[in-house]
Amino acid sequence: MRLKTKSSSSAPLRPHILTVDDAKAVRLLTQRALAAFDCATSEAPNGYNALFAMERALPDLILLDVNMPTMGGVEMLTMMRSNPTLAAIPVIMLTSPADHGVMTQLAALGISGHVMKPFTPAALIEKIGGVLALPPAPAVTAKPA
């Protein structure tokens, strides 16, 4: 797998957050929650698609669902941690009460935290803010008429 790395330009880069969840509603909720911040967002419906998305652009943070078809969160995270290019990317798991049995395994894989579904945008932003600085979105100024 060939992966692109971040370029080293002098301008600060906007943080990039990748949401990986099979539920479109969850991906939309995260996108809306992050709209107030100056960050780039992308999404994938499963771990397999997320790994391919990371070939184009490495995220600064991944929001990762545990249970998904094709490739679930535990499998994706295991693969990431064994790849030197992906190993250090922080991951916040999107969990449900049914995921209790894998929490020890996720902790051993070095997650940066987890948010229990259903979650509020405020709870998600609080958890992300503990891992990654979220600058506010630039103010939109109205042009004089």
Protein backbone atom coordinates (compact mmCIF):
# COMPACT_ATOMS: atom_id res chain seq x y z
CA MET A 1 0.00 0.00 0.00
CA ARG A 2 1.50 3.35 -1.06
CA LEU A 3 0.61 6.21 1.23
CA LYS A 4 0.99 9.91 0.75
CA THR A 5 2.54 11.91 3.53
CA LYS A 6 1.76 15.43 4.56
CA SER A 7 3.76 18.10 2.78
CA SER A 8 6.00 20.35 4.81
CA SER A 9 4.94 23.81 3.72
CA SER A 10 5.30 26.91 5.87
CA ALA A 11 1.54 27.58 5.96
CA PRO A 12 -0.33 25.82 8.75
CA LEU A 13 -2.46 22.98 7.43
CA ARG A 14 -6.09 22.56 8.33
CA PRO A 15 -6.59 19.43 10.41
CA HIS A 16 -8.12 16.57 8.41
CA ILE A 17 -10.63 14.29 10.14
CA LEU A 18 -11.76 11.02 8.56
CA THR A 19 -15.05 9.52 9.77
CA VAL A 20 -15.42 5.79 9.16
CA ASP A 21 -18.93 4.51 9.85
CA ASP A 22 -21.40 2.43 7.85
CA ALA A 23 -24.28 4.65 9.01
CA LYS A 24 -24.65 7.67 6.72
CA ALA A 25 -26.52 9.47 9.53
CA VAL A 26 -23.47 9.22 11.83
CA ARG A 27 -21.14 10.48 9.09
CA LEU A 28 -23.51 13.39 8.44
CA LEU A 29 -23.75 14.19 12.17
CA THR A 30 -19.96 14.37 12.48
CA GLN A 31 -19.69 16.54 9.37
CA ARG A 32 -22.30 18.96 10.75
CA ALA A 33 -20.65 19.02 14.19
CA LEU A 34 -17.31 19.93 12.59
CA ALA A 35 -18.75 22.60 10.26
CA ALA A 36 -18.04 25.34 12.83
CA PHE A 37 -14.32 24.54 12.74
CA ASP A 38 -11.56 25.16 10.22
CA CYS A 39 -10.89 21.54 9.35
CA ALA A 40 -11.18 19.26 6.38
CA THR A 41 -13.44 16.24 6.65
CA SER A 42 -13.77 13.05 4.67
CA GLU A 43 -15.70 9.86 5.17
CA ALA A 44 -15.75 6.16 4.40
CA PRO A 45 -18.47 3.53 4.95
CA ASN A 46 -16.06 0.82 6.17
CA GLY A 47 -12.44 0.12 7.04
CA TYR A 48 -11.57 -1.16 3.59
CA ASN A 49 -12.66 2.09 1.92
CA ALA A 50 -10.96 4.11 4.67
CA LEU A 51 -7.59 2.45 4.01
CA PHE A 52 -7.92 3.35 0.33
CA ALA A 53 -8.91 6.93 1.24
CA MET A 54 -5.72 7.21 3.31
CA GLU A 55 -3.68 6.43 0.20
CA ARG A 56 -4.85 9.82 -1.15
CA ALA A 57 -4.59 11.84 2.06
CA LEU A 58 -3.50 10.94 5.57
CA PRO A 59 -5.89 12.24 8.22
CA ASP A 60 -4.83 13.91 11.46
CA LEU A 61 -7.58 12.03 13.32
CA ILE A 62 -9.91 9.12 12.58
CA LEU A 63 -13.39 8.67 14.05
CA LEU A 64 -13.89 4.91 13.72
CA ASP A 65 -16.99 2.78 14.20
CA VAL A 66 -16.45 -0.66 15.73
CA ASN A 67 -19.04 -2.70 13.82
CA MET A 68 -19.18 -2.30 10.04
CA PRO A 69 -19.57 -4.65 7.08
CA THR A 70 -16.60 -5.53 4.82
CA MET A 71 -13.96 -4.44 7.37
CA GLY A 72 -14.84 -3.43 10.91
CA GLY A 73 -13.08 -0.99 13.19
CA VAL A 74 -11.04 -3.53 15.17
CA GLU A 75 -9.62 -5.09 12.00
CA MET A 76 -8.87 -1.68 10.47
CA LEU A 77 -7.21 -0.43 13.65
CA THR A 78 -5.11 -3.60 13.90
CA MET A 79 -3.92 -3.08 10.32
CA MET A 80 -3.16 0.59 10.97
CA ARG A 81 -1.10 -0.13 14.07
CA SER A 82 1.06 -2.60 12.10
CA ASN A 83 1.79 -0.02 9.36
CA PRO A 84 4.52 2.51 10.32
CA THR A 85 2.93 5.24 8.18
CA LEU A 86 -0.48 4.86 9.86
CA ALA A 87 0.45 3.68 13.34
CA ALA A 88 0.65 7.12 14.97
CA ILE A 89 -2.67 8.50 13.65
CA PRO A 90 -4.96 9.12 16.63
CA VAL A 91 -8.23 7.17 16.58
CA ILE A 92 -11.40 7.90 18.53
CA MET A 93 -13.77 4.92 18.46
CA LEU A 94 -17.49 5.36 17.94
CA THR A 95 -18.91 2.66 20.18
CA SER A 96 -22.23 1.20 21.30
CA PRO A 97 -23.10 -0.67 24.50
CA ALA A 98 -22.72 -3.93 22.51
CA ASP A 99 -19.01 -3.13 21.99
CA HIS A 100 -18.18 -3.57 25.68
CA GLY A 101 -16.44 -6.88 24.97
CA VAL A 102 -13.80 -5.34 22.67
CA MET A 103 -12.92 -2.28 24.76
CA THR A 104 -9.87 -3.98 26.32
CA GLN A 105 -8.62 -4.94 22.85
CA LEU A 106 -9.20 -1.38 21.57
CA ALA A 107 -7.31 0.08 24.53
CA ALA A 108 -4.41 -2.30 23.82
CA LEU A 109 -4.39 -1.04 20.22
CA GLY A 110 -3.88 2.49 21.53
CA ILE A 111 -7.10 4.36 20.89
CA SER A 112 -7.20 8.01 21.89
CA GLY A 113 -10.69 7.68 23.34
CA HIS A 114 -14.22 6.65 22.52
CA VAL A 115 -17.65 8.22 22.20
CA MET A 116 -20.73 6.14 22.97
CA LYS A 117 -23.54 6.19 20.38
CA PRO A 118 -25.87 7.93 20.27
CA PHE A 119 -23.77 11.00 20.96
CA THR A 120 -24.39 14.72 20.79
CA PRO A 121 -22.33 17.03 18.60
CA ALA A 122 -21.05 18.72 21.78
CA ALA A 123 -19.82 15.40 23.23
CA LEU A 124 -18.06 14.58 19.96
CA ILE A 125 -16.38 18.00 19.74
CA GLU A 126 -15.27 17.74 23.38
CA LYS A 127 -13.66 14.34 22.73
CA ILE A 128 -11.99 15.54 19.50
CA GLY A 129 -10.74 18.68 21.25
CA GLY A 130 -8.90 16.50 23.76
CA VAL A 131 -6.90 14.95 20.93
CA LEU A 132 -6.66 17.61 18.22
CA ALA A 133 -6.80 21.41 18.22
CA LEU A 134 -9.89 22.57 16.34
CA PRO A 135 -9.50 26.14 15.14
CA PRO A 136 -12.76 28.02 14.61
CA ALA A 137 -13.92 28.41 11.03
CA PRO A 138 -13.01 31.77 9.51
CA ALA A 139 -15.76 34.33 9.81
CA VAL A 140 -17.66 34.91 6.59
CA THR A 141 -17.83 38.61 5.91
CA ALA A 142 -20.65 39.99 3.83
CA LYS A 143 -19.62 42.03 0.82
CA PRO A 144 -20.97 45.59 0.78
CA ALA A 145 -23.83 46.08 -1.64
